[in-house]
Amino acid sequence: MSACAGRAMDEQETGYDYVRYKQLLAEAVDEARRLKLIEIMIRENARDRLEAQRAADRIAMTVMTVARVLGPGGRSDHF
Protein backbone atom coordinates (compact mmCIF):
# COMPACT_ATOMS: atom_id res chain seq x y z
CA MET A 1 0.00 0.00 0.00
CA SER A 2 1.39 3.38 -0.93
CA ALA A 3 1.53 6.38 1.38
CA CYS A 4 -1.04 8.13 -0.82
CA ALA A 5 -3.50 5.26 -0.47
CA GLY A 6 -3.07 5.28 3.30
CA ARG A 7 -3.59 9.02 3.43
CA ALA A 8 -6.76 8.78 1.33
CA MET A 9 -8.14 6.16 3.72
CA ASP A 10 -7.32 8.38 6.71
CA GLU A 11 -9.18 11.29 5.11
CA GLN A 12 -12.23 9.10 4.51
CA GLU A 13 -12.20 7.77 8.07
CA THR A 14 -11.86 11.17 9.72
CA GLY A 15 -14.27 12.94 7.40
CA TYR A 16 -11.81 15.71 6.54
CA ASP A 17 -11.61 16.76 2.92
CA TYR A 18 -8.11 18.21 2.72
CA VAL A 19 -8.33 18.84 -1.02
CA ARG A 20 -11.51 20.86 -0.51
CA TYR A 21 -10.03 22.85 2.38
CA LYS A 22 -6.89 23.52 0.35
CA GLN A 23 -9.04 24.81 -2.54
CA LEU A 24 -11.10 27.02 -0.22
CA LEU A 25 -7.92 28.38 1.33
CA ALA A 26 -6.52 29.19 -2.11
CA GLU A 27 -9.76 31.04 -2.93
CA ALA A 28 -9.75 32.96 0.37
CA VAL A 29 -8.13 36.06 -1.09
CA ASP A 30 -10.24 38.58 0.79
CA GLU A 31 -11.62 38.99 4.30
CA ALA A 32 -15.13 37.75 3.46
CA ARG A 33 -13.85 34.51 1.95
CA ARG A 34 -11.43 33.94 4.83
CA LEU A 35 -14.27 34.38 7.32
CA LYS A 36 -16.44 31.97 5.31
CA LEU A 37 -13.63 29.38 5.36
CA ILE A 38 -13.25 29.78 9.13
CA GLU A 39 -17.02 29.39 9.57
CA ILE A 40 -17.07 26.22 7.45
CA MET A 41 -14.18 24.67 9.38
CA ILE A 42 -15.73 25.51 12.76
CA ARG A 43 -19.14 24.16 11.72
CA GLU A 44 -17.70 20.94 10.32
CA ASN A 45 -15.49 20.38 13.37
CA ALA A 46 -18.50 20.89 15.63
CA ARG A 47 -20.46 18.36 13.57
CA ASP A 48 -17.65 15.82 13.87
CA ARG A 49 -17.47 16.30 17.65
CA LEU A 50 -21.25 15.88 17.93
CA GLU A 51 -21.09 12.65 15.92
CA ALA A 52 -18.31 11.35 18.20
CA GLN A 53 -20.34 12.25 21.29
CA ARG A 54 -23.40 10.46 19.91
CA ALA A 55 -21.31 7.35 19.20
CA ALA A 56 -19.93 7.42 22.75
CA ASP A 57 -23.48 7.80 24.12
CA ARG A 58 -24.67 4.80 22.08
CA ILE A 59 -21.80 2.70 23.39
CA ALA A 60 -22.52 3.73 26.97
CA MET A 61 -26.21 2.89 26.56
CA THR A 62 -25.32 -0.52 25.11
CA VAL A 63 -22.96 -1.25 28.00
CA MET A 64 -25.63 -0.27 30.53
CA THR A 65 -28.23 -2.45 28.79
CA VAL A 66 -25.92 -5.46 28.71
CA ALA A 67 -25.04 -4.95 32.39
CA ARG A 68 -28.73 -4.71 33.31
CA VAL A 69 -29.62 -7.86 31.32
CA LEU A 70 -26.74 -9.86 32.77
CA GLY A 71 -27.37 -8.58 36.28
CA PRO A 72 -24.89 -8.11 39.11
CA GLY A 73 -23.66 -11.73 39.07
CA GLY A 74 -22.66 -11.70 35.44
CA ARG A 75 -24.06 -14.09 32.88
CA SER A 76 -26.84 -16.33 34.05
CA ASP A 77 -27.35 -19.81 32.60
CA HIS A 78 -30.99 -20.06 33.69
CA PHE A 79 -32.47 -20.06 30.19
PDB file of N, CA and C in Angstrom:
ATOM      1  N   MET A   1       0.857  -1.182   0.000  1.00  0.00           N
ATOM      2  CA  MET A   1       0.000   0.000   0.000  1.00  0.00           C
ATOM      3  C   MET A   1       0.896   1.235   0.000  1.00  0.00           C
ATOM      4  N   SER A   2       0.596   2.167  -0.852  1.00  0.00           N
ATOM      5  CA  SER A   2       1.392   3.384  -0.925  1.00  0.00           C
ATOM      6  C   SER A   2       0.977   4.368   0.160  1.00  0.00           C
ATOM      7  N   ALA A   3       1.840   5.353   0.386  1.00  0.00           N
ATOM      8  CA  ALA A   3       1.530   6.379   1.382  1.00  0.00           C
ATOM      9  C   ALA A   3       0.300   7.170   0.961  1.00  0.00           C
ATOM     10  N   CYS A   4       0.128   7.386  -0.336  1.00  0.00           N
ATOM     11  CA  CYS A   4      -1.042   8.130  -0.816  1.00  0.00           C
ATOM     12  C   CYS A   4      -2.323   7.367  -0.532  1.00  0.00           C
ATOM     13  N   ALA A   5      -2.304   6.055  -0.731  1.00  0.00           N
ATOM     14  CA  ALA A   5      -3.501   5.257  -0.473  1.00  0.00           C
ATOM     15  C   ALA A   5      -3.841   5.293   1.005  1.00  0.00           C
ATOM     16  N   GLY A   6      -2.834   5.204   1.867  1.00  0.00           N
ATOM     17  CA  GLY A   6      -3.065   5.281   3.305  1.00  0.00           C
ATOM     18  C   GLY A   6      -3.621   6.629   3.711  1.00  0.00           C
ATOM     19  N   ARG A   7      -3.116   7.684   3.106  1.00  0.00           N
ATOM     20  CA  ARG A   7      -3.595   9.023   3.426  1.00  0.00           C
ATOM     21  C   ARG A   7      -5.032   9.194   2.982  1.00  0.00           C
ATOM     22  N   ALA A   8      -5.384   8.673   1.822  1.00  0.00           N
ATOM     23  CA  ALA A   8      -6.762   8.779   1.333  1.00  0.00           C
ATOM     24  C   ALA A   8      -7.700   8.058   2.284  1.00  0.00           C
ATOM     25  N   MET A   9      -7.300   6.905   2.788  1.00  0.00           N
ATOM     26  CA  MET A   9      -8.139   6.158   3.719  1.00  0.00           C
ATOM     27  C   MET A   9      -8.311   6.966   5.007  1.00  0.00           C
ATOM     28  N   ASP A  10      -7.219   7.579   5.499  1.00  0.00           N
ATOM     29  CA  ASP A  10      -7.321   8.381   6.710  1.00  0.00           C
ATOM     30  C   ASP A  10      -8.302   9.529   6.530  1.00  0.00           C
ATOM     31  N   GLU A  11      -8.274  10.177   5.373  1.00  0.00           N
ATOM     32  CA  GLU A  11      -9.181  11.285   5.113  1.00  0.00           C
ATOM     33  C   GLU A  11     -10.628  10.807   5.115  1.00  0.00           C
ATOM     34  N   GLN A  12     -10.879   9.626   4.540  1.00  0.00           N
ATOM     35  CA  GLN A  12     -12.234   9.099   4.512  1.00  0.00           C
ATOM     36  C   GLN A  12     -12.701   8.754   5.918  1.00  0.00           C
ATOM     37  N   GLU A  13     -11.824   8.179   6.729  1.00  0.00           N
ATOM     38  CA  GLU A  13     -12.205   7.766   8.067  1.00  0.00           C
ATOM     39  C   GLU A  13     -12.477   8.964   8.968  1.00  0.00           C
ATOM     40  N   THR A  14     -11.691  10.020   8.841  1.00  0.00           N
ATOM     41  CA  THR A  14     -11.858  11.168   9.718  1.00  0.00           C
ATOM     42  C   THR A  14     -12.906  12.139   9.213  1.00  0.00           C
ATOM     43  N   GLY A  15     -13.268  12.046   7.941  1.00  0.00           N
ATOM     44  CA  GLY A  15     -14.270  12.939   7.395  1.00  0.00           C
ATOM     45  C   GLY A  15     -13.715  14.269   6.919  1.00  0.00           C
ATOM     46  N   TYR A  16     -12.408  14.458   6.987  1.00  0.00           N
ATOM     47  CA  TYR A  16     -11.808  15.714   6.540  1.00  0.00           C
ATOM     48  C   TYR A  16     -11.514  15.637   5.055  1.00  0.00           C
ATOM     49  N   ASP A  17     -11.852  16.686   4.359  1.00  0.00           N
ATOM     50  CA  ASP A  17     -11.614  16.764   2.922  1.00  0.00           C
ATOM     51  C   ASP A  17     -10.504  17.781   2.696  1.00  0.00           C
ATOM     52  N   TYR A  18      -9.255  17.312   2.809  1.00  0.00           N
ATOM     53  CA  TYR A  18      -8.112  18.212   2.723  1.00  0.00           C
ATOM     54  C   TYR A  18      -8.026  18.906   1.381  1.00  0.00           C
ATOM     55  N   VAL A  19      -8.377  18.221   0.303  1.00  0.00           N
ATOM     56  CA  VAL A  19      -8.334  18.840  -1.024  1.00  0.00           C
ATOM     57  C   VAL A  19      -9.315  20.010  -1.074  1.00  0.00           C
ATOM     58  N   ARG A  20     -10.501  19.799  -0.536  1.00  0.00           N
ATOM     59  CA  ARG A  20     -11.514  20.864  -0.515  1.00  0.00           C
ATOM     60  C   ARG A  20     -11.054  22.047   0.324  1.00  0.00           C
ATOM     61  N   TYR A  21     -10.512  21.756   1.523  1.00  0.00           N
ATOM     62  CA  TYR A  21     -10.032  22.849   2.380  1.00  0.00           C
ATOM     63  C   TYR A  21      -8.886  23.610   1.716  1.00  0.00           C
ATOM     64  N   LYS A  22      -8.006  22.880   1.046  1.00  0.00           N
ATOM     65  CA  LYS A  22      -6.894  23.523   0.350  1.00  0.00           C
ATOM     66  C   LYS A  22      -7.418  24.448  -0.747  1.00  0.00           C
ATOM     67  N   GLN A  23      -8.429  23.986  -1.488  1.00  0.00           N
ATOM     68  CA  GLN A  23      -9.035  24.806  -2.537  1.00  0.00           C
ATOM     69  C   GLN A  23      -9.702  26.050  -1.941  1.00  0.00           C
ATOM     70  N   LEU A  24     -10.455  25.874  -0.868  1.00  0.00           N
ATOM     71  CA  LEU A  24     -11.105  27.017  -0.216  1.00  0.00           C
ATOM     72  C   LEU A  24     -10.074  28.019   0.305  1.00  0.00           C
ATOM     73  N   LEU A  25      -8.977  27.503   0.841  1.00  0.00           N
ATOM     74  CA  LEU A  25      -7.922  28.382   1.331  1.00  0.00           C
ATOM     75  C   LEU A  25      -7.296  29.173   0.180  1.00  0.00           C
ATOM     76  N   ALA A  26      -7.084  28.509  -0.946  1.00  0.00           N
ATOM     77  CA  ALA A  26      -6.516  29.192  -2.108  1.00  0.00           C
ATOM     78  C   ALA A  26      -7.456  30.286  -2.616  1.00  0.00           C
ATOM     79  N   GLU A  27      -8.767  30.053  -2.472  1.00  0.00           N
ATOM     80  CA  GLU A  27      -9.756  31.038  -2.927  1.00  0.00           C
ATOM     81  C   GLU A  27      -9.998  32.145  -1.908  1.00  0.00           C
ATOM     82  N   ALA A  28      -9.496  31.988  -0.701  1.00  0.00           N
ATOM     83  CA  ALA A  28      -9.747  32.965   0.365  1.00  0.00           C
ATOM     84  C   ALA A  28      -8.793  34.154   0.231  1.00  0.00           C
ATOM     85  N   VAL A  29      -9.027  34.944  -0.797  1.00  0.00           N
ATOM     86  CA  VAL A  29      -8.132  36.057  -1.092  1.00  0.00           C
ATOM     87  C   VAL A  29      -8.572  37.369  -0.442  1.00  0.00           C
ATOM     88  N   ASP A  30      -9.779  37.385   0.115  1.00  0.00           N
ATOM     89  CA  ASP A  30     -10.245  38.583   0.790  1.00  0.00           C
ATOM     90  C   ASP A  30     -10.839  38.203   2.156  1.00  0.00           C
ATOM     91  N   GLU A  31     -11.139  39.206   2.937  1.00  0.00           N
ATOM     92  CA  GLU A  31     -11.620  38.990   4.303  1.00  0.00           C
ATOM     93  C   GLU A  31     -12.917  38.181   4.353  1.00  0.00           C
ATOM     94  N   ALA A  32     -13.844  38.457   3.465  1.00  0.00           N
ATOM     95  CA  ALA A  32     -15.126  37.752   3.460  1.00  0.00           C
ATOM     96  C   ALA A  32     -14.939  36.261   3.203  1.00  0.00           C
ATOM     97  N   ARG A  33     -14.087  35.926   2.255  1.00  0.00           N
ATOM     98  CA  ARG A  33     -13.854  34.509   1.948  1.00  0.00           C
ATOM     99  C   ARG A  33     -13.077  33.817   3.070  1.00  0.00           C
ATOM    100  N   ARG A  34     -12.152  34.530   3.692  1.00  0.00           N
ATOM    101  CA  ARG A  34     -11.426  33.938   4.830  1.00  0.00           C
ATOM    102  C   ARG A  34     -12.387  33.659   5.980  1.00  0.00           C
ATOM    103  N   LEU A  35     -13.295  34.582   6.245  1.00  0.00           N
ATOM    104  CA  LEU A  35     -14.273  34.381   7.316  1.00  0.00           C
ATOM    105  C   LEU A  35     -15.207  33.220   6.989  1.00  0.00           C
ATOM    106  N   LYS A  36     -15.589  33.088   5.715  1.00  0.00           N
ATOM    107  CA  LYS A  36     -16.439  31.967   5.315  1.00  0.00           C
ATOM    108  C   LYS A  36     -15.705  30.638   5.505  1.00  0.00           C
ATOM    109  N   LEU A  37     -14.425  30.589   5.157  1.00  0.00           N
ATOM    110  CA  LEU A  37     -13.629  29.383   5.357  1.00  0.00           C
ATOM    111  C   LEU A  37     -13.556  29.026   6.841  1.00  0.00           C
ATOM    112  N   ILE A  38     -13.307  30.016   7.681  1.00  0.00           N
ATOM    113  CA  ILE A  38     -13.251  29.780   9.129  1.00  0.00           C
ATOM    114  C   ILE A  38     -14.587  29.252   9.627  1.00  0.00           C
ATOM    115  N   GLU A  39     -15.686  29.839   9.172  1.00  0.00           N
ATOM    116  CA  GLU A  39     -17.025  29.393   9.573  1.00  0.00           C
ATOM    117  C   GLU A  39     -17.271  27.937   9.162  1.00  0.00           C
ATOM    118  N   ILE A  40     -16.890  27.591   7.938  1.00  0.00           N
ATOM    119  CA  ILE A  40     -17.070  26.217   7.450  1.00  0.00           C
ATOM    120  C   ILE A  40     -16.277  25.246   8.316  1.00  0.00           C
ATOM    121  N   MET A  41     -15.027  25.577   8.599  1.00  0.00           N
ATOM    122  CA  MET A  41     -14.181  24.671   9.380  1.00  0.00           C
ATOM    123  C   MET A  41     -14.697  24.516  10.804  1.00  0.00           C
ATOM    124  N   ILE A  42     -15.174  25.584  11.403  1.00  0.00           N
ATOM    125  CA  ILE A  42     -15.734  25.506  12.757  1.00  0.00           C
ATOM    126  C   ILE A  42     -16.997  24.654  12.750  1.00  0.00           C
ATOM    127  N   ARG A  43     -17.879  24.907  11.800  1.00  0.00           N
ATOM    128  CA  ARG A  43     -19.136  24.164  11.723  1.00  0.00           C
ATOM    129  C   ARG A  43     -18.885  22.670  11.509  1.00  0.00           C
ATOM    130  N   GLU A  44     -17.980  22.344  10.597  1.00  0.00           N
ATOM    131  CA  GLU A  44     -17.699  20.940  10.317  1.00  0.00           C
ATOM    132  C   GLU A  44     -16.997  20.254  11.482  1.00  0.00           C
ATOM    133  N   ASN A  45     -16.140  20.957  12.198  1.00  0.00           N
ATOM    134  CA  ASN A  45     -15.491  20.378  13.374  1.00  0.00           C
ATOM    135  C   ASN A  45     -16.527  20.139  14.467  1.00  0.00           C
ATOM    136  N   ALA A  46     -17.446  21.063  14.632  1.00  0.00           N
ATOM    137  CA  ALA A  46     -18.504  20.892  15.631  1.00  0.00           C
ATOM    138  C   ALA A  46     -19.369  19.688  15.282  1.00  0.00           C
ATOM    139  N   ARG A  47     -19.674  19.507  14.008  1.00  0.00           N
ATOM    140  CA  ARG A  47     -20.458  18.360  13.566  1.00  0.00           C
ATOM    141  C   ARG A  47     -19.732  17.055  13.878  1.00  0.00           C
ATOM    142  N   ASP A  48     -18.431  17.028  13.606  1.00  0.00           N
ATOM    143  CA  ASP A  48     -17.647  15.819  13.873  1.00  0.00           C
ATOM    144  C   ASP A  48     -17.611  15.502  15.363  1.00  0.00           C
ATOM    145  N   ARG A  49     -17.473  16.527  16.200  1.00  0.00           N
ATOM    146  CA  ARG A  49     -17.466  16.300  17.652  1.00  0.00           C
ATOM    147  C   ARG A  49     -18.824  15.802  18.122  1.00  0.00           C
ATOM    148  N   LEU A  50     -19.904  16.333  17.561  1.00  0.00           N
ATOM    149  CA  LEU A  50     -21.248  15.884  17.925  1.00  0.00           C
ATOM    150  C   LEU A  50     -21.445  14.420  17.530  1.00  0.00           C
ATOM    151  N   GLU A  51     -20.990  14.040  16.350  1.00  0.00           N
ATOM    152  CA  GLU A  51     -21.089  12.646  15.920  1.00  0.00           C
ATOM    153  C   GLU A  51     -20.305  11.730  16.856  1.00  0.00           C
ATOM    154  N   ALA A  52     -19.122  12.154  17.273  1.00  0.00           N
ATOM    155  CA  ALA A  52     -18.305  11.353  18.199  1.00  0.00           C
ATOM    156  C   ALA A  52     -19.006  11.213  19.539  1.00  0.00           C
ATOM    157  N   GLN A  53     -19.621  12.294  20.022  1.00  0.00           N
ATOM    158  CA  GLN A  53     -20.340  12.246  21.295  1.00  0.00           C
ATOM    159  C   GLN A  53     -21.540  11.307  21.200  1.00  0.00           C
ATOM    160  N   ARG A  54     -22.255  11.361  20.093  1.00  0.00           N
ATOM    161  CA  ARG A  54     -23.400  10.458  19.908  1.00  0.00           C
ATOM    162  C   ARG A  54     -22.951   9.003  19.889  1.00  0.00           C
ATOM    163  N   ALA A  55     -21.834   8.720  19.232  1.00  0.00           N
ATOM    164  CA  ALA A  55     -21.309   7.350  19.196  1.00  0.00           C
ATOM    165  C   ALA A  55     -20.935   6.897  20.605  1.00  0.00           C
ATOM    166  N   ALA A  56     -20.302   7.767  21.377  1.00  0.00           N
ATOM    167  CA  ALA A  56     -19.935   7.423  22.753  1.00  0.00           C
ATOM    168  C   ALA A  56     -21.185   7.181  23.594  1.00  0.00           C
ATOM    169  N   ASP A  57     -22.217   7.984  23.387  1.00  0.00           N
ATOM    170  CA  ASP A  57     -23.477   7.797  24.121  1.00  0.00           C
ATOM    171  C   ASP A  57     -24.122   6.462  23.777  1.00  0.00           C
ATOM    172  N   ARG A  58     -24.103   6.088  22.480  1.00  0.00           N
ATOM    173  CA  ARG A  58     -24.670   4.798  22.080  1.00  0.00           C
ATOM    174  C   ARG A  58     -23.915   3.646  22.723  1.00  0.00           C
ATOM    175  N   ILE A  59     -22.602   3.744  22.764  1.00  0.00           N
ATOM    176  CA  ILE A  59     -21.796   2.697  23.386  1.00  0.00           C
ATOM    177  C   ILE A  59     -22.115   2.600  24.868  1.00  0.00           C
ATOM    178  N   ALA A  60     -22.207   3.732  25.539  1.00  0.00           N
ATOM    179  CA  ALA A  60     -22.521   3.729  26.973  1.00  0.00           C
ATOM    180  C   ALA A  60     -23.894   3.122  27.230  1.00  0.00           C
ATOM    181  N   MET A  61     -24.875   3.449  26.394  1.00  0.00           N
ATOM    182  CA  MET A  61     -26.214   2.885  26.565  1.00  0.00           C
ATOM    183  C   MET A  61     -26.201   1.377  26.344  1.00  0.00           C
ATOM    184  N   THR A  62     -25.425   0.920  25.373  1.00  0.00           N
ATOM    185  CA  THR A  62     -25.322  -0.516  25.114  1.00  0.00           C
ATOM    186  C   THR A  62     -24.685  -1.230  26.298  1.00  0.00           C
ATOM    187  N   VAL A  63     -23.628  -0.658  26.841  1.00  0.00           N
ATOM    188  CA  VAL A  63     -22.964  -1.251  28.004  1.00  0.00           C
ATOM    189  C   VAL A  63     -23.924  -1.324  29.186  1.00  0.00           C
ATOM    190  N   MET A  64     -24.671  -0.272  29.415  1.00  0.00           N
ATOM    191  CA  MET A  64     -25.633  -0.274  30.527  1.00  0.00           C
ATOM    192  C   MET A  64     -26.722  -1.318  30.313  1.00  0.00           C
ATOM    193  N   THR A  65     -27.200  -1.457  29.094  1.00  0.00           N
ATOM    194  CA  THR A  65     -28.231  -2.446  28.792  1.00  0.00           C
ATOM    195  C   THR A  65     -27.704  -3.860  29.007  1.00  0.00           C
ATOM    196  N   VAL A  66     -26.519  -4.129  28.534  1.00  0.00           N
ATOM    197  CA  VAL A  66     -25.924  -5.459  28.715  1.00  0.00           C
ATOM    198  C   VAL A  66     -25.731  -5.740  30.195  1.00  0.00           C
ATOM    199  N   ALA A  67     -25.242  -4.765  30.955  1.00  0.00           N
ATOM    200  CA  ALA A  67     -25.040  -4.953  32.389  1.00  0.00           C
ATOM    201  C   ALA A  67     -26.369  -5.221  33.097  1.00  0.00           C
ATOM    202  N   ARG A  68     -27.416  -4.524  32.689  1.00  0.00           N
ATOM    203  CA  ARG A  68     -28.726  -4.714  33.309  1.00  0.00           C
ATOM    204  C   ARG A  68     -29.283  -6.106  32.979  1.00  0.00           C
ATOM    205  N   VAL A  69     -29.122  -6.550  31.736  1.00  0.00           N
ATOM    206  CA  VAL A  69     -29.620  -7.861  31.324  1.00  0.00           C
ATOM    207  C   VAL A  69     -28.852  -8.972  32.036  1.00  0.00           C
ATOM    208  N   LEU A  70     -27.546  -8.822  32.127  1.00  0.00           N
ATOM    209  CA  LEU A  70     -26.744  -9.857  32.771  1.00  0.00           C
ATOM    210  C   LEU A  70     -26.864  -9.833  34.287  1.00  0.00           C
ATOM    211  N   GLY A  71     -27.202  -8.699  34.841  1.00  0.00           N
ATOM    212  CA  GLY A  71     -27.368  -8.581  36.279  1.00  0.00           C
ATOM    213  C   GLY A  71     -26.037  -8.487  37.002  1.00  0.00           C
ATOM    214  N   PRO A  72     -26.112  -8.335  38.332  1.00  0.00           N
ATOM    215  CA  PRO A  72     -24.889  -8.107  39.114  1.00  0.00           C
ATOM    216  C   PRO A  72     -23.967  -9.327  39.166  1.00  0.00           C
ATOM    217  N   GLY A  73     -24.501 -10.530  38.974  1.00  0.00           N
ATOM    218  CA  GLY A  73     -23.662 -11.729  39.065  1.00  0.00           C
ATOM    219  C   GLY A  73     -23.033 -12.130  37.762  1.00  0.00           C
ATOM    220  N   GLY A  74     -23.198 -11.334  36.738  1.00  0.00           N
ATOM    221  CA  GLY A  74     -22.664 -11.698  35.437  1.00  0.00           C
ATOM    222  C   GLY A  74     -23.666 -12.491  34.646  1.00  0.00           C
ATOM    223  N   ARG A  75     -23.181 -13.315  33.757  1.00  0.00           N
ATOM    224  CA  ARG A  75     -24.062 -14.088  32.884  1.00  0.00           C
ATOM    225  C   ARG A  75     -24.775 -15.178  33.662  1.00  0.00           C
ATOM    226  N   SER A  76     -26.034 -15.311  33.388  1.00  0.00           N
ATOM    227  CA  SER A  76     -26.844 -16.330  34.046  1.00  0.00           C
ATOM    228  C   SER A  76     -27.168 -17.426  33.049  1.00  0.00           C
ATOM    229  N   ASP A  77     -27.060 -18.675  33.476  1.00  0.00           N
ATOM    230  CA  ASP A  77     -27.349 -19.808  32.595  1.00  0.00           C
ATOM    231  C   ASP A  77     -28.730 -20.401  32.901  1.00  0.00           C
ATOM    232  N   HIS A  78     -29.676 -19.594  33.329  1.00  0.00           N
ATOM    233  CA  HIS A  78     -30.991 -20.056  33.694  1.00  0.00           C
ATOM    234  C   HIS A  78     -31.997 -19.932  32.543  1.00  0.00           C
ATOM    235  N   PHE A  79     -31.574 -20.189  31.330  1.00  0.00           N
ATOM    236  CA  PHE A  79     -32.473 -20.056  30.193  1.00  0.00           C
ATOM    237  C   PHE A  79     -33.164 -21.329  29.911  1.00  0.00           C
TER     238      PHE A  79
END
